[in-house]
Amino acid sequence: MTVSRAQFAALYEQYLPAVSAYLRRRVERDDVDDLAADVFAVAWRKRDAVAPGEELPWLYRIAGYLVANHRRRLAARASVLGWFAVPDSAPAADAALDGDPALAAAWASLSATEREVLALVVLDDLAVADAAVALGVTPNAVSVRLHRAKKSLAAALGASGDSDPA
């Protein structure tokens, strides 16, 4: 699909808030604007690679790669400076989880893959097919990952409820 400057500008205006929200759940707030700009710079260079109707998951996929690179740079910088390494896991608990310690603990107990698929489908509100594009896997793989992630989260929430003395 060939995208004109005007079409790309419209895509930018339409999807910048969603891409920024995606990034806010994955990196420090100070890094969001720079990474969002990088996402759209890469998208502009590769604009002929996007399939019609898959623009947002395609942008999320680009953002995912940039977040991974960003975390690797932070980890390398931290190890050189002797500080603790920045984890390279999928998103930390969203700010909404902070108000519920049991949910935040259950979220933290999930694997990076489980958190990422749940974040895309639940927090970013992507359909399974769109999450598949964002993750670079098949929709069937996303369905399986999502089912397992929901099961793991439910088990973790159940376990935290069982340990509650009340």
Protein backbone atom coordinates (compact mmCIF):
# COMPACT_ATOMS: atom_id res chain seq x y z
CA MET A 1 0.00 0.00 0.00
CA THR A 2 1.48 3.34 -1.01
CA VAL A 3 0.72 6.03 1.54
CA SER A 4 0.87 9.71 0.61
CA ARG A 5 2.09 12.44 2.96
CA ALA A 6 -1.50 13.54 3.60
CA GLN A 7 -2.62 9.98 4.37
CA PHE A 8 0.35 9.48 6.67
CA ALA A 9 -0.39 12.76 8.45
CA ALA A 10 -3.96 11.55 9.01
CA LEU A 11 -2.67 8.22 10.35
CA TYR A 12 -0.32 10.09 12.64
CA GLU A 13 -3.09 12.25 14.07
CA GLN A 14 -5.41 9.26 14.42
CA TYR A 15 -2.97 6.84 16.04
CA LEU A 16 -0.54 9.02 18.02
CA PRO A 17 -2.72 8.90 21.17
CA ALA A 18 -2.97 5.08 21.03
CA VAL A 19 0.76 4.65 20.34
CA SER A 20 1.60 7.05 23.18
CA ALA A 21 -0.69 5.16 25.56
CA TYR A 22 0.95 1.88 24.49
CA LEU A 23 4.37 3.36 25.22
CA ARG A 24 3.31 4.91 28.57
CA ARG A 25 2.50 1.42 29.84
CA ARG A 26 5.96 0.18 28.89
CA VAL A 27 8.54 2.94 29.46
CA GLU A 28 9.19 5.91 31.71
CA ARG A 29 6.96 8.89 30.97
CA ASP A 30 9.98 11.02 29.97
CA ASP A 31 10.77 8.61 27.12
CA VAL A 32 7.27 8.39 25.60
CA ASP A 33 7.41 11.39 23.25
CA ASP A 34 10.82 10.48 21.85
CA LEU A 35 9.84 6.86 21.28
CA ALA A 36 6.52 7.87 19.71
CA ALA A 37 8.41 10.11 17.29
CA ASP A 38 10.74 7.20 16.51
CA VAL A 39 7.75 4.90 15.88
CA PHE A 40 6.34 7.26 13.29
CA ALA A 41 9.77 7.90 11.74
CA VAL A 42 10.19 4.16 11.19
CA ALA A 43 6.59 3.91 10.00
CA TRP A 44 7.20 6.64 7.43
CA ARG A 45 10.27 4.86 6.07
CA LYS A 46 8.40 1.53 5.91
CA ARG A 47 4.98 2.91 5.02
CA ASP A 48 4.65 0.68 1.95
CA ALA A 49 4.81 -2.44 4.17
CA VAL A 50 1.56 -1.85 6.06
CA ALA A 51 -1.55 -3.73 5.01
CA PRO A 52 -4.75 -1.70 4.79
CA GLY A 53 -6.71 -1.96 8.02
CA GLU A 54 -3.68 -3.13 10.04
CA GLU A 55 -2.14 0.25 10.70
CA LEU A 56 -2.50 0.33 14.50
CA PRO A 57 -1.21 -3.19 15.20
CA TRP A 58 1.61 -2.53 12.74
CA LEU A 59 2.52 0.63 14.68
CA TYR A 60 2.37 -1.38 17.94
CA ARG A 61 4.77 -3.91 16.43
CA ILE A 62 7.20 -1.14 15.53
CA ALA A 63 6.77 0.31 19.02
CA GLY A 64 7.43 -3.09 20.57
CA TYR A 65 10.75 -3.35 18.75
CA LEU A 66 11.70 0.17 19.77
CA VAL A 67 10.77 -0.50 23.41
CA ALA A 68 12.91 -3.64 23.40
CA ASN A 69 15.85 -1.69 21.94
CA HIS A 70 15.29 1.10 24.44
CA ARG A 71 15.33 -1.35 27.36
CA ARG A 72 18.51 -2.98 26.06
CA ARG A 73 20.19 0.44 25.87
CA LEU A 74 19.07 1.24 29.43
CA ALA A 75 20.27 -2.13 30.70
CA ALA A 76 23.63 -1.72 28.98
CA ARG A 77 24.01 1.78 30.37
CA ALA A 78 23.02 0.59 33.85
CA SER A 79 25.46 -2.31 33.80
CA VAL A 80 28.28 -0.06 32.63
CA LEU A 81 27.50 2.36 35.43
CA GLY A 82 27.19 -0.48 37.94
CA TRP A 83 23.54 0.10 38.72
CA PHE A 84 20.86 -2.56 38.78
CA ALA A 85 19.77 -3.67 35.32
CA VAL A 86 16.45 -2.50 33.90
CA PRO A 87 14.19 -5.53 33.40
CA ASP A 88 13.51 -6.45 29.77
CA SER A 89 10.10 -7.88 30.49
CA ALA A 90 6.78 -7.02 28.96
CA PRO A 91 4.86 -4.12 30.48
CA ALA A 92 4.84 -3.46 34.17
CA ALA A 93 1.48 -3.21 35.84
CA ASP A 94 -0.52 -0.35 34.39
CA ALA A 95 -1.19 2.54 36.74
CA ALA A 96 -4.74 1.23 37.20
CA LEU A 97 -3.31 -1.88 38.84
CA ASP A 98 -1.49 0.15 41.47
CA GLY A 99 -4.74 0.72 43.34
CA ASP A 100 -5.28 -3.03 43.76
CA PRO A 101 -2.28 -4.69 45.44
CA ALA A 102 -3.61 -8.22 44.81
CA LEU A 103 -4.10 -7.53 41.12
CA ALA A 104 -0.68 -5.82 40.87
CA ALA A 105 0.98 -8.81 42.55
CA ALA A 106 -0.88 -11.26 40.31
CA TRP A 107 0.14 -9.23 37.22
CA ALA A 108 3.77 -9.22 38.37
CA SER A 109 3.69 -13.00 38.75
CA LEU A 110 2.85 -13.47 35.06
CA SER A 111 5.53 -14.12 32.48
CA ALA A 112 6.56 -11.35 30.10
CA THR A 113 4.72 -13.10 27.27
CA GLU A 114 1.54 -13.38 29.33
CA ARG A 115 1.65 -9.71 30.35
CA GLU A 116 2.27 -8.59 26.78
CA VAL A 117 -0.64 -10.51 25.26
CA LEU A 118 -2.99 -9.39 28.04
CA ALA A 119 -1.82 -5.79 27.68
CA LEU A 120 -2.44 -5.79 23.93
CA VAL A 121 -5.87 -7.39 24.11
CA VAL A 122 -7.18 -5.96 27.37
CA LEU A 123 -5.35 -2.67 27.97
CA ASP A 124 -4.74 -1.67 24.34
CA ASP A 125 -8.10 -3.14 23.27
CA LEU A 126 -6.81 -4.97 20.20
CA ALA A 127 -8.68 -7.80 18.55
CA VAL A 128 -6.85 -11.14 18.55
CA ALA A 129 -6.03 -10.78 14.83
CA ASP A 130 -4.57 -7.31 15.41
CA ALA A 131 -2.59 -8.49 18.44
CA ALA A 132 -1.17 -11.21 16.18
CA VAL A 133 0.09 -8.55 13.78
CA ALA A 134 1.58 -6.56 16.68
CA LEU A 135 3.35 -9.65 18.04
CA GLY A 136 4.34 -11.08 14.68
CA VAL A 137 2.62 -14.41 15.30
CA THR A 138 -0.54 -16.13 14.09
CA PRO A 139 -3.97 -15.32 15.50
CA ASN A 140 -4.13 -18.91 16.77
CA ALA A 141 -0.92 -18.38 18.73
CA VAL A 142 -2.36 -15.22 20.28
CA SER A 143 -5.56 -17.06 21.22
CA VAL A 144 -3.57 -19.78 22.93
CA ARG A 145 -1.32 -17.28 24.71
CA LEU A 146 -4.32 -15.21 25.77
CA HIS A 147 -6.15 -18.25 27.16
CA ARG A 148 -3.06 -19.31 29.12
CA ALA A 149 -2.45 -15.78 30.37
CA LYS A 150 -6.02 -15.41 31.60
CA LYS A 151 -5.78 -18.79 33.31
CA SER A 152 -2.47 -17.81 34.95
CA LEU A 153 -3.86 -14.47 36.10
CA ALA A 154 -6.97 -16.13 37.54
CA ALA A 155 -4.80 -18.68 39.34
CA ALA A 156 -2.55 -15.95 40.72
CA LEU A 157 -5.56 -13.96 41.89
CA GLY A 158 -7.02 -17.11 43.46
CA ALA A 159 -3.76 -17.85 45.22
CA SER A 160 -3.57 -14.33 46.61
CA GLY A 161 -7.17 -14.65 47.79
CA ASP A 162 -6.44 -17.98 49.49
CA SER A 163 -3.59 -16.48 51.49
CA ASP A 164 -5.81 -13.67 52.73
CA PRO A 165 -6.63 -14.37 56.39
CA ALA A 166 -10.03 -12.67 56.18
